[in-house]
Amino acid sequence: MRPQGLGIDILEIKRFNSFGKSRDNRFLLNNYSKREIDYCFSFKNPAPHLAGTFAAKEAVFKTLGRNDILFSLIEIRRNKNGKPEAWIKNRRQKSILISISHTAKIAAAIAIKL
């Protein structure tokens, strides 16, 4: 099976440190779903998870190669095993595979559209 799209994004986690205390930040509300915010803030330090989720959303956006999908309509959900999945307009995108990783300083994500 030949991939139809590929996207990758890398972010510095420190850019997300300031969001660690408030879920009501305009940036978060404009770029993350409630489910994504709840997931990220379920951790003691939400910054790596916010950065990883944002990187995954950006990677999915790049994978699609289209401008007719709003960034805010892309949602990264985790299945019961914790594996990230791409959802667009509340529909799971089974043809898009995602991997997210982070160190103490960097978060990265890749998305492949099959």
N, C-alpha and C. Protein backbone atom coordinates (compact mmCIF):
# COMPACT_ATOMS: atom_id res chain seq x y z
N MET A 1 0.85 -1.18 0.00
CA MET A 1 0.00 0.00 0.00
C MET A 1 0.89 1.24 0.00
N ARG A 2 0.64 2.11 -0.92
CA ARG A 2 1.46 3.31 -1.07
C ARG A 2 0.84 4.49 -0.31
N PRO A 3 1.64 5.17 0.53
CA PRO A 3 1.10 6.32 1.27
C PRO A 3 0.61 7.43 0.33
N GLN A 4 -0.47 8.08 0.72
CA GLN A 4 -1.02 9.17 -0.07
C GLN A 4 -0.68 10.53 0.51
N GLY A 5 -0.17 10.53 1.72
CA GLY A 5 0.20 11.79 2.36
C GLY A 5 1.08 11.53 3.56
N LEU A 6 1.93 12.50 3.86
CA LEU A 6 2.85 12.39 4.98
C LEU A 6 3.01 13.77 5.60
N GLY A 7 2.96 13.83 6.92
CA GLY A 7 3.15 15.09 7.62
C GLY A 7 3.96 14.86 8.88
N ILE A 8 4.77 15.83 9.24
CA ILE A 8 5.57 15.75 10.46
C ILE A 8 5.62 17.14 11.08
N ASP A 9 5.71 17.18 12.40
CA ASP A 9 5.85 18.46 13.09
C ASP A 9 6.68 18.26 14.35
N ILE A 10 7.50 19.24 14.65
CA ILE A 10 8.38 19.21 15.83
C ILE A 10 8.24 20.54 16.55
N LEU A 11 8.05 20.49 17.87
CA LEU A 11 7.85 21.70 18.67
C LEU A 11 8.69 21.68 19.94
N GLU A 12 9.07 22.86 20.39
CA GLU A 12 9.71 22.98 21.69
C GLU A 12 8.62 23.00 22.77
N ILE A 13 8.75 22.15 23.75
CA ILE A 13 7.74 22.04 24.81
C ILE A 13 7.65 23.31 25.63
N LYS A 14 8.76 24.03 25.79
CA LYS A 14 8.75 25.23 26.62
C LYS A 14 7.74 26.26 26.13
N ARG A 15 7.38 26.22 24.84
CA ARG A 15 6.37 27.14 24.32
C ARG A 15 4.99 26.89 24.94
N PHE A 16 4.81 25.70 25.53
CA PHE A 16 3.52 25.32 26.10
C PHE A 16 3.51 25.36 27.63
N ASN A 17 4.65 25.69 28.23
CA ASN A 17 4.74 25.73 29.70
C ASN A 17 3.77 26.73 30.32
N SER A 18 3.56 27.84 29.67
CA SER A 18 2.70 28.88 30.25
C SER A 18 1.23 28.46 30.32
N PHE A 19 0.86 27.42 29.59
CA PHE A 19 -0.54 26.96 29.61
C PHE A 19 -0.81 26.00 30.76
N GLY A 20 0.21 25.60 31.48
CA GLY A 20 0.09 24.58 32.49
C GLY A 20 -0.81 24.90 33.66
N LYS A 21 -1.19 26.16 33.81
CA LYS A 21 -2.00 26.53 34.96
C LYS A 21 -3.44 26.87 34.62
N SER A 22 -3.73 27.08 33.35
CA SER A 22 -5.08 27.53 33.00
C SER A 22 -5.59 26.85 31.74
N ARG A 23 -6.75 26.26 31.86
CA ARG A 23 -7.41 25.65 30.71
C ARG A 23 -8.17 26.69 29.89
N ASP A 24 -8.31 27.88 30.43
CA ASP A 24 -9.15 28.91 29.80
C ASP A 24 -8.38 29.85 28.88
N ASN A 25 -7.17 29.50 28.54
CA ASN A 25 -6.37 30.33 27.65
C ASN A 25 -6.98 30.35 26.24
N ARG A 26 -7.01 31.51 25.63
CA ARG A 26 -7.62 31.66 24.31
C ARG A 26 -6.98 30.74 23.27
N PHE A 27 -5.66 30.62 23.31
CA PHE A 27 -4.97 29.74 22.37
C PHE A 27 -5.47 28.30 22.50
N LEU A 28 -5.58 27.83 23.73
CA LEU A 28 -6.06 26.46 23.95
C LEU A 28 -7.49 26.29 23.46
N LEU A 29 -8.34 27.23 23.80
CA LEU A 29 -9.76 27.13 23.42
C LEU A 29 -9.95 27.21 21.91
N ASN A 30 -9.07 27.92 21.21
CA ASN A 30 -9.18 28.04 19.76
C ASN A 30 -8.55 26.87 18.99
N ASN A 31 -7.64 26.15 19.63
CA ASN A 31 -6.89 25.12 18.90
C ASN A 31 -7.08 23.69 19.39
N TYR A 32 -7.70 23.52 20.55
CA TYR A 32 -7.88 22.19 21.12
C TYR A 32 -9.37 21.95 21.41
N SER A 33 -9.77 20.70 21.28
CA SER A 33 -11.14 20.35 21.69
C SER A 33 -11.16 20.18 23.21
N LYS A 34 -12.35 20.15 23.77
CA LYS A 34 -12.48 19.92 25.21
C LYS A 34 -11.86 18.57 25.58
N ARG A 35 -12.07 17.57 24.74
CA ARG A 35 -11.51 16.24 25.00
C ARG A 35 -9.98 16.30 25.02
N GLU A 36 -9.38 17.03 24.10
CA GLU A 36 -7.92 17.15 24.06
C GLU A 36 -7.39 17.89 25.29
N ILE A 37 -8.07 18.96 25.67
CA ILE A 37 -7.66 19.72 26.86
C ILE A 37 -7.77 18.85 28.10
N ASP A 38 -8.87 18.12 28.24
CA ASP A 38 -9.05 17.24 29.40
C ASP A 38 -7.95 16.18 29.45
N TYR A 39 -7.61 15.61 28.29
CA TYR A 39 -6.55 14.60 28.25
C TYR A 39 -5.22 15.20 28.71
N CYS A 40 -4.84 16.32 28.12
CA CYS A 40 -3.54 16.93 28.43
C CYS A 40 -3.44 17.36 29.89
N PHE A 41 -4.53 17.90 30.43
CA PHE A 41 -4.53 18.37 31.81
C PHE A 41 -4.75 17.25 32.83
N SER A 42 -4.91 16.02 32.34
CA SER A 42 -5.00 14.88 33.27
C SER A 42 -3.61 14.48 33.78
N PHE A 43 -2.57 15.07 33.20
CA PHE A 43 -1.20 14.82 33.61
C PHE A 43 -0.71 15.95 34.51
N LYS A 44 0.22 15.62 35.41
CA LYS A 44 0.77 16.63 36.33
C LYS A 44 1.36 17.80 35.56
N ASN A 45 2.07 17.51 34.50
CA ASN A 45 2.63 18.54 33.63
C ASN A 45 1.99 18.41 32.25
N PRO A 46 1.01 19.25 31.94
CA PRO A 46 0.32 19.11 30.65
C PRO A 46 1.13 19.59 29.44
N ALA A 47 2.20 20.35 29.64
CA ALA A 47 2.93 20.96 28.52
C ALA A 47 3.41 19.95 27.47
N PRO A 48 4.05 18.83 27.85
CA PRO A 48 4.50 17.88 26.82
C PRO A 48 3.33 17.29 26.03
N HIS A 49 2.21 17.11 26.70
CA HIS A 49 1.04 16.52 26.05
C HIS A 49 0.33 17.54 25.16
N LEU A 50 0.30 18.78 25.60
CA LEU A 50 -0.23 19.85 24.75
C LEU A 50 0.62 19.99 23.49
N ALA A 51 1.94 19.97 23.66
CA ALA A 51 2.84 20.11 22.52
C ALA A 51 2.73 18.91 21.58
N GLY A 52 2.68 17.71 22.14
CA GLY A 52 2.55 16.50 21.32
C GLY A 52 1.24 16.45 20.56
N THR A 53 0.17 16.84 21.23
CA THR A 53 -1.14 16.86 20.57
C THR A 53 -1.17 17.91 19.47
N PHE A 54 -0.61 19.08 19.73
CA PHE A 54 -0.57 20.13 18.72
C PHE A 54 0.27 19.67 17.52
N ALA A 55 1.41 19.04 17.79
CA ALA A 55 2.27 18.54 16.71
C ALA A 55 1.52 17.51 15.88
N ALA A 56 0.74 16.65 16.54
CA ALA A 56 -0.02 15.63 15.81
C ALA A 56 -1.11 16.27 14.95
N LYS A 57 -1.79 17.27 15.49
CA LYS A 57 -2.80 17.98 14.70
C LYS A 57 -2.16 18.63 13.47
N GLU A 58 -1.00 19.25 13.67
CA GLU A 58 -0.29 19.88 12.56
C GLU A 58 0.16 18.84 11.53
N ALA A 59 0.65 17.69 12.00
CA ALA A 59 1.08 16.62 11.09
C ALA A 59 -0.10 16.10 10.28
N VAL A 60 -1.24 15.93 10.92
CA VAL A 60 -2.44 15.48 10.19
C VAL A 60 -2.84 16.53 9.16
N PHE A 61 -2.82 17.79 9.54
CA PHE A 61 -3.16 18.88 8.62
C PHE A 61 -2.24 18.84 7.39
N LYS A 62 -0.95 18.66 7.62
CA LYS A 62 0.01 18.59 6.52
C LYS A 62 -0.22 17.34 5.67
N THR A 63 -0.58 16.24 6.30
CA THR A 63 -0.83 14.99 5.59
C THR A 63 -1.98 15.13 4.60
N LEU A 64 -3.00 15.87 5.01
CA LEU A 64 -4.17 16.02 4.15
C LEU A 64 -3.86 16.83 2.90
N GLY A 65 -2.93 17.77 3.00
CA GLY A 65 -2.56 18.57 1.85
C GLY A 65 -3.70 19.39 1.28
N ARG A 66 -4.64 19.76 2.15
CA ARG A 66 -5.82 20.52 1.72
C ARG A 66 -6.00 21.73 2.63
N ASN A 67 -6.58 22.76 2.08
CA ASN A 67 -6.86 23.95 2.88
C ASN A 67 -8.32 24.07 3.25
N ASP A 68 -9.14 23.09 2.87
CA ASP A 68 -10.56 23.19 3.16
C ASP A 68 -10.94 22.55 4.50
N ILE A 69 -9.97 22.00 5.21
CA ILE A 69 -10.21 21.45 6.55
C ILE A 69 -9.62 22.42 7.56
N LEU A 70 -10.45 22.97 8.41
CA LEU A 70 -9.98 23.88 9.45
C LEU A 70 -9.17 23.11 10.49
N PHE A 71 -8.09 23.72 10.93
CA PHE A 71 -7.23 23.11 11.94
C PHE A 71 -8.04 22.72 13.17
N SER A 72 -8.98 23.57 13.55
CA SER A 72 -9.78 23.33 14.76
C SER A 72 -10.70 22.12 14.63
N LEU A 73 -10.94 21.63 13.40
CA LEU A 73 -11.79 20.46 13.20
C LEU A 73 -11.02 19.15 13.30
N ILE A 74 -9.70 19.25 13.39
CA ILE A 74 -8.87 18.06 13.57
C ILE A 74 -8.74 17.80 15.06
N GLU A 75 -9.05 16.59 15.46
CA GLU A 75 -8.96 16.23 16.88
C GLU A 75 -8.11 14.98 17.02
N ILE A 76 -7.24 14.97 18.02
CA ILE A 76 -6.42 13.81 18.32
C ILE A 76 -7.02 13.15 19.56
N ARG A 77 -7.51 11.96 19.38
CA ARG A 77 -8.07 11.19 20.49
C ARG A 77 -7.18 9.98 20.76
N ARG A 78 -7.29 9.44 21.95
CA ARG A 78 -6.55 8.22 22.29
C ARG A 78 -7.56 7.09 22.43
N ASN A 79 -7.24 5.93 21.84
CA ASN A 79 -8.13 4.79 22.01
C ASN A 79 -7.92 4.19 23.40
N LYS A 80 -8.62 3.10 23.68
CA LYS A 80 -8.56 2.52 25.04
C LYS A 80 -7.16 2.05 25.42
N ASN A 81 -6.29 1.84 24.43
CA ASN A 81 -4.91 1.44 24.70
C ASN A 81 -3.95 2.63 24.72
N GLY A 82 -4.47 3.83 24.54
CA GLY A 82 -3.64 5.03 24.56
C GLY A 82 -3.08 5.44 23.21
N LYS A 83 -3.37 4.68 22.17
CA LYS A 83 -2.86 4.98 20.82
C LYS A 83 -3.58 6.20 20.26
N PRO A 84 -2.82 7.18 19.74
CA PRO A 84 -3.47 8.37 19.17
C PRO A 84 -4.18 8.04 17.85
N GLU A 85 -5.32 8.69 17.66
CA GLU A 85 -6.11 8.54 16.44
C GLU A 85 -6.54 9.91 15.94
N ALA A 86 -6.61 10.06 14.63
CA ALA A 86 -7.06 11.31 14.03
C ALA A 86 -8.57 11.26 13.82
N TRP A 87 -9.23 12.32 14.25
CA TRP A 87 -10.67 12.49 14.03
C TRP A 87 -10.86 13.84 13.36
N ILE A 88 -11.70 13.87 12.35
CA ILE A 88 -12.04 15.11 11.67
C ILE A 88 -13.55 15.21 11.62
N LYS A 89 -14.06 16.33 12.11
CA LYS A 89 -15.51 16.56 12.18
C LYS A 89 -16.21 15.38 12.88
N ASN A 90 -15.63 14.93 13.99
CA ASN A 90 -16.17 13.85 14.81
C ASN A 90 -16.23 12.50 14.11
N ARG A 91 -15.40 12.31 13.09
CA ARG A 91 -15.32 11.02 12.39
C ARG A 91 -13.88 10.53 12.42
N ARG A 92 -13.72 9.30 12.87
CA ARG A 92 -12.38 8.72 12.94
C ARG A 92 -11.84 8.51 11.53
N GLN A 93 -10.59 8.91 11.35
CA GLN A 93 -9.93 8.77 10.06
C GLN A 93 -9.05 7.52 10.09
N LYS A 94 -9.64 6.38 9.74
CA LYS A 94 -8.93 5.10 9.82
C LYS A 94 -7.73 5.02 8.88
N SER A 95 -7.74 5.85 7.84
CA SER A 95 -6.64 5.81 6.86
C SER A 95 -5.45 6.67 7.28
N ILE A 96 -5.54 7.34 8.43
CA ILE A 96 -4.43 8.17 8.91
C ILE A 96 -3.83 7.54 10.16
N LEU A 97 -2.55 7.25 10.09
CA LEU A 97 -1.82 6.69 11.23
C LEU A 97 -1.00 7.81 11.86
N ILE A 98 -0.93 7.82 13.20
CA ILE A 98 -0.22 8.87 13.93
C ILE A 98 0.73 8.25 14.94
N SER A 99 1.88 8.89 15.11
CA SER A 99 2.78 8.56 16.19
C SER A 99 3.25 9.88 16.82
N ILE A 100 3.24 9.90 18.16
CA ILE A 100 3.65 11.09 18.91
C ILE A 100 4.76 10.67 19.88
N SER A 101 5.78 11.52 20.01
CA SER A 101 6.85 11.25 20.94
C SER A 101 7.36 12.57 21.51
N HIS A 102 7.94 12.50 22.70
CA HIS A 102 8.55 13.70 23.26
C HIS A 102 9.69 13.36 24.20
N THR A 103 10.60 14.32 24.31
CA THR A 103 11.67 14.27 25.30
C THR A 103 11.32 15.35 26.32
N ALA A 104 12.26 15.71 27.15
CA ALA A 104 12.01 16.78 28.11
C ALA A 104 11.88 18.14 27.42
N LYS A 105 12.43 18.28 26.22
CA LYS A 105 12.45 19.57 25.56
C LYS A 105 11.67 19.64 24.24
N ILE A 106 11.52 18.52 23.56
CA ILE A 106 10.95 18.50 22.21
C ILE A 106 9.79 17.52 22.12
N ALA A 107 8.74 17.92 21.40
CA ALA A 107 7.64 17.01 21.06
C ALA A 107 7.60 16.90 19.55
N ALA A 108 7.32 15.70 19.07
CA ALA A 108 7.27 15.47 17.64
C ALA A 108 6.12 14.52 17.31
N ALA A 109 5.59 14.68 16.12
CA ALA A 109 4.53 13.78 15.66
C ALA A 109 4.65 13.59 14.16
N ILE A 110 4.22 12.43 13.74
CA ILE A 110 4.19 12.11 12.31
C ILE A 110 2.81 11.52 12.01
N ALA A 111 2.32 11.84 10.83
CA ALA A 111 1.05 11.28 10.37
C ALA A 111 1.23 10.78 8.94
N ILE A 112 0.68 9.62 8.68
CA ILE A 112 0.73 9.02 7.34
C ILE A 112 -0.68 8.71 6.90
N LYS A 113 -1.04 9.15 5.72
CA LYS A 113 -2.35 8.84 5.14
C LYS A 113 -2.16 7.71 4.15
N LEU A 114 -2.83 6.61 4.42
CA LEU A 114 -2.74 5.43 3.54
C LEU A 114 -3.80 5.48 2.45
